């Protein structure tokens, strides 16, 4: 039996490969053999760690969101004022480089599955709820420092996160009216008009 550290590393390798396959082919066409090929392991190794395709999908969703939250933590620890951090979070969320594009494609594919899958709904509730909590906390800190307007930080966070999600999907489907630059300008405009205190702009 592999050592625990090796097991954790191999599991991460498999989930990283699963995200690659999901981003490229979606969930409906996901095959264990494809994950094994990308991961450079046998199909039997996949089944050693995961009993079913459904289990791989749920774990890939968690892996994808956890990695995104870890990347956001670097911004939270930057020492910048919270309004600057909020803008940095928006920039980090934009579909741009290969890593962020893959993450977005996995999110969209897995959210589509979660509509019909109560287990994936629970994973989304737990992990995506943490992302909304991050944005809420940053806005609340900006309010305490008089950098943000008064108001319900949860509502502001939900508005911003909802805007990010909706616009990002339009960028992913190459809508002619929604380029990455337009998405960024729209979200930054929202922060300036709705979140930031007038004196902080």
Protein backbone atom coordinates (compact mmCIF):
# COMPACT_ATOMS: atom_id res chain seq x y z
CA UNK A 1 0.00 0.00 0.00
CA UNK A 2 1.40 3.47 -0.89
CA UNK A 3 2.61 5.72 1.95
CA UNK A 4 0.09 8.37 3.08
CA UNK A 5 2.11 11.22 1.53
CA UNK A 6 2.36 9.32 -1.74
CA UNK A 7 -1.37 8.59 -1.63
CA UNK A 8 -2.20 12.27 -1.16
CA UNK A 9 0.11 13.26 -4.01
CA UNK A 10 -1.29 10.59 -6.33
CA UNK A 11 -4.87 11.55 -5.49
CA UNK A 12 -4.10 15.19 -6.30
CA UNK A 13 -2.49 14.09 -9.57
CA UNK A 14 -5.66 12.21 -10.51
CA UNK A 15 -7.94 15.10 -9.59
CA UNK A 16 -5.81 17.57 -11.52
CA UNK A 17 -6.13 15.27 -14.55
CA UNK A 18 -9.88 14.98 -13.98
CA UNK A 19 -10.17 18.78 -14.08
CA UNK A 20 -8.26 18.81 -17.38
CA UNK A 21 -10.64 16.26 -18.88
CA UNK A 22 -13.77 17.96 -17.52
CA UNK A 23 -12.61 21.33 -18.86
CA UNK A 24 -12.04 19.81 -22.28
CA UNK A 25 -14.94 17.36 -22.59
CA UNK A 26 -17.47 18.11 -19.86
CA UNK A 27 -18.89 15.71 -17.29
CA UNK A 28 -21.25 13.68 -19.49
CA UNK A 29 -18.35 12.43 -21.62
CA UNK A 30 -15.97 11.90 -18.71
CA UNK A 31 -14.31 8.47 -18.76
CA UNK A 32 -11.99 6.98 -16.16
CA UNK A 33 -9.68 5.86 -18.97
CA UNK A 34 -9.29 9.46 -20.15
CA UNK A 35 -8.39 10.62 -16.64
CA UNK A 36 -5.88 7.78 -16.32
CA UNK A 37 -4.26 8.72 -19.62
CA UNK A 38 -3.86 12.38 -18.66
CA UNK A 39 -2.64 11.47 -15.17
CA UNK A 40 -0.20 8.90 -16.54
CA UNK A 41 -1.57 6.09 -14.37
CA UNK A 42 -3.59 2.94 -14.95
CA UNK A 43 -7.38 2.85 -14.83
CA UNK A 44 -7.00 0.47 -11.92
CA UNK A 45 -5.15 3.20 -10.01
CA UNK A 46 -8.11 5.53 -10.52
CA UNK A 47 -10.44 2.90 -9.06
CA UNK A 48 -8.10 2.43 -6.11
CA UNK A 49 -8.84 6.00 -5.04
CA UNK A 50 -12.38 6.45 -6.34
CA UNK A 51 -15.22 3.94 -6.44
CA UNK A 52 -17.20 5.64 -9.20
CA UNK A 53 -17.26 8.40 -11.78
CA UNK A 54 -19.65 10.32 -9.54
CA UNK A 55 -17.11 10.25 -6.72
CA UNK A 56 -14.39 11.57 -9.03
CA UNK A 57 -16.65 14.39 -10.22
CA UNK A 58 -17.51 15.46 -6.67
CA UNK A 59 -13.85 15.34 -5.64
CA UNK A 60 -12.80 17.28 -8.75
CA UNK A 61 -15.34 20.00 -7.94
CA UNK A 62 -13.92 20.27 -4.42
CA UNK A 63 -10.32 20.21 -5.71
CA UNK A 64 -11.03 22.98 -8.22
CA UNK A 65 -12.74 25.28 -5.75
CA UNK A 66 -10.22 24.62 -2.96
CA UNK A 67 -7.34 25.53 -5.27
CA UNK A 68 -9.09 28.75 -6.26
CA UNK A 69 -9.63 29.68 -2.62
CA UNK A 70 -5.95 28.99 -1.90
CA UNK A 71 -4.93 31.37 -4.69
CA UNK A 72 -7.22 34.03 -3.25
CA UNK A 73 -5.58 33.67 0.17
CA UNK A 74 -2.36 35.16 -1.23
CA UNK A 75 -4.30 38.31 -2.09
CA UNK A 76 -5.95 38.42 1.33
CA UNK A 77 -2.51 38.25 2.98
CA UNK A 78 -1.00 40.97 0.77
CA UNK A 79 -1.28 43.73 3.38
CA UNK A 80 -3.19 46.01 1.01
CA UNK A 81 -6.26 47.90 2.14
CA UNK A 82 -9.48 45.87 1.77
CA UNK A 83 -10.84 47.88 -1.16
CA UNK A 84 -7.62 47.24 -3.10
CA UNK A 85 -7.87 43.56 -2.14
CA UNK A 86 -11.44 43.46 -3.47
CA UNK A 87 -10.25 44.83 -6.81
CA UNK A 88 -7.41 42.29 -6.85
CA UNK A 89 -9.92 39.50 -6.18
CA UNK A 90 -11.92 40.63 -9.20
CA UNK A 91 -8.79 40.61 -11.35
CA UNK A 92 -7.90 37.11 -10.13
CA UNK A 93 -11.40 35.90 -11.03
CA UNK A 94 -11.35 37.03 -14.66
CA UNK A 95 -11.15 34.25 -17.28
CA UNK A 96 -7.73 34.95 -18.71
CA UNK A 97 -4.74 32.66 -18.51
CA UNK A 98 -4.88 28.89 -19.03
CA UNK A 99 -5.25 28.17 -15.31
CA UNK A 100 -8.20 30.50 -14.77
CA UNK A 101 -9.87 29.37 -18.00
CA UNK A 102 -9.62 25.74 -16.92
CA UNK A 103 -11.03 26.57 -13.50
CA UNK A 104 -13.97 28.40 -15.06
CA UNK A 105 -14.73 25.58 -17.49
CA UNK A 106 -14.71 23.07 -14.63
CA UNK A 107 -17.00 25.28 -12.53
CA UNK A 108 -19.51 25.70 -15.32
CA UNK A 109 -19.50 21.98 -16.16
CA UNK A 110 -19.92 20.93 -12.56
CA UNK A 111 -22.54 23.55 -11.75
CA UNK A 112 -24.58 22.19 -14.66
CA UNK A 113 -24.37 18.74 -13.07
CA UNK A 114 -25.17 20.09 -9.61
CA UNK A 115 -28.54 21.32 -10.84
CA UNK A 116 -29.60 17.65 -10.88
CA UNK A 117 -27.28 16.22 -8.23
CA UNK A 118 -27.98 16.83 -4.51
CA UNK A 119 -24.50 15.65 -3.49
CA UNK A 120 -22.82 18.17 -5.77
CA UNK A 121 -25.19 20.80 -4.43
CA UNK A 122 -23.81 20.13 -0.95
CA UNK A 123 -20.23 20.46 -2.17
CA UNK A 124 -21.11 23.73 -3.90
CA UNK A 125 -22.91 25.05 -0.82
CA UNK A 126 -19.95 24.31 1.42
CA UNK A 127 -17.09 25.45 -0.80
CA UNK A 128 -18.64 28.16 -2.94
CA UNK A 129 -20.19 29.54 0.22
CA UNK A 130 -16.64 30.05 1.48
CA UNK A 131 -15.86 32.20 -1.58
CA UNK A 132 -18.92 34.38 -0.93
CA UNK A 133 -17.83 34.64 2.70
CA UNK A 134 -14.39 35.85 1.59
CA UNK A 135 -15.91 38.64 -0.49
CA UNK A 136 -18.35 39.55 2.30
CA UNK A 137 -15.52 39.76 4.84
CA UNK A 138 -13.39 41.99 2.59
CA UNK A 139 -16.31 44.38 2.05
CA UNK A 140 -17.09 44.42 5.79
CA UNK A 141 -13.46 45.25 6.56
CA UNK A 142 -13.56 48.06 4.00
CA UNK A 143 -16.67 49.43 5.73
CA UNK A 144 -14.96 49.35 9.13
CA UNK A 145 -12.12 51.40 7.63
CA UNK A 146 -14.60 53.85 6.04
CA UNK A 147 -13.44 52.77 2.58
CA UNK A 148 -16.83 51.28 1.65
CA UNK A 149 -20.37 52.60 1.84
CA UNK A 150 -22.72 51.59 4.61
CA UNK A 151 -25.04 48.71 3.78
CA UNK A 152 -25.39 44.98 4.07
CA UNK A 153 -22.00 43.48 3.12
CA UNK A 154 -23.65 40.13 2.36
CA UNK A 155 -25.96 41.74 -0.18
CA UNK A 156 -23.08 43.66 -1.76
CA UNK A 157 -21.01 40.48 -1.96
CA UNK A 158 -23.86 38.53 -3.52
CA UNK A 159 -24.34 41.25 -6.12
CA UNK A 160 -20.65 41.31 -7.01
CA UNK A 161 -20.23 37.53 -7.06
CA UNK A 162 -23.40 37.13 -9.13
CA UNK A 163 -22.11 39.73 -11.59
CA UNK A 164 -18.73 37.99 -11.84
CA UNK A 165 -20.31 34.59 -12.46
CA UNK A 166 -22.82 35.78 -15.04
CA UNK A 167 -20.37 37.89 -17.01
CA UNK A 168 -17.68 35.20 -16.91
CA UNK A 169 -20.05 32.70 -18.54
CA UNK A 170 -20.66 35.19 -21.34
CA UNK A 171 -16.90 35.61 -21.79
CA UNK A 172 -16.49 31.82 -21.93
CA UNK A 173 -19.10 31.47 -24.67
CA UNK A 174 -17.38 34.27 -26.63
CA UNK A 175 -20.32 36.67 -26.55
CA UNK A 176 -19.41 39.55 -28.85
CA UNK A 177 -20.70 42.11 -26.34
CA UNK A 178 -18.80 40.69 -23.37
CA UNK A 179 -15.03 40.56 -23.66
CA UNK A 180 -12.76 40.05 -20.70
CA UNK A 181 -11.93 43.77 -20.69
CA UNK A 182 -15.64 44.65 -20.64
CA UNK A 183 -16.23 42.25 -17.77
CA UNK A 184 -13.40 43.82 -15.80
CA UNK A 185 -14.59 47.37 -16.46
CA UNK A 186 -18.16 46.45 -15.47
CA UNK A 187 -17.12 44.83 -12.19
CA UNK A 188 -14.69 47.60 -11.28
CA UNK A 189 -17.42 50.11 -12.11
CA UNK A 190 -19.74 48.29 -9.73
CA UNK A 191 -17.15 48.48 -6.95
CA UNK A 192 -16.67 52.21 -7.55
CA UNK A 193 -20.40 53.01 -7.79
CA UNK A 194 -21.92 50.65 -5.23
CA UNK A 195 -19.26 49.45 -2.80
CA UNK A 196 -16.54 52.11 -2.45
CA UNK A 197 -17.15 55.17 -0.31
CA UNK A 198 -17.20 58.34 -2.46
CA UNK A 199 -13.96 59.54 -0.88
CA UNK A 200 -12.24 56.20 -1.63
CA UNK A 201 -12.58 56.44 -5.44
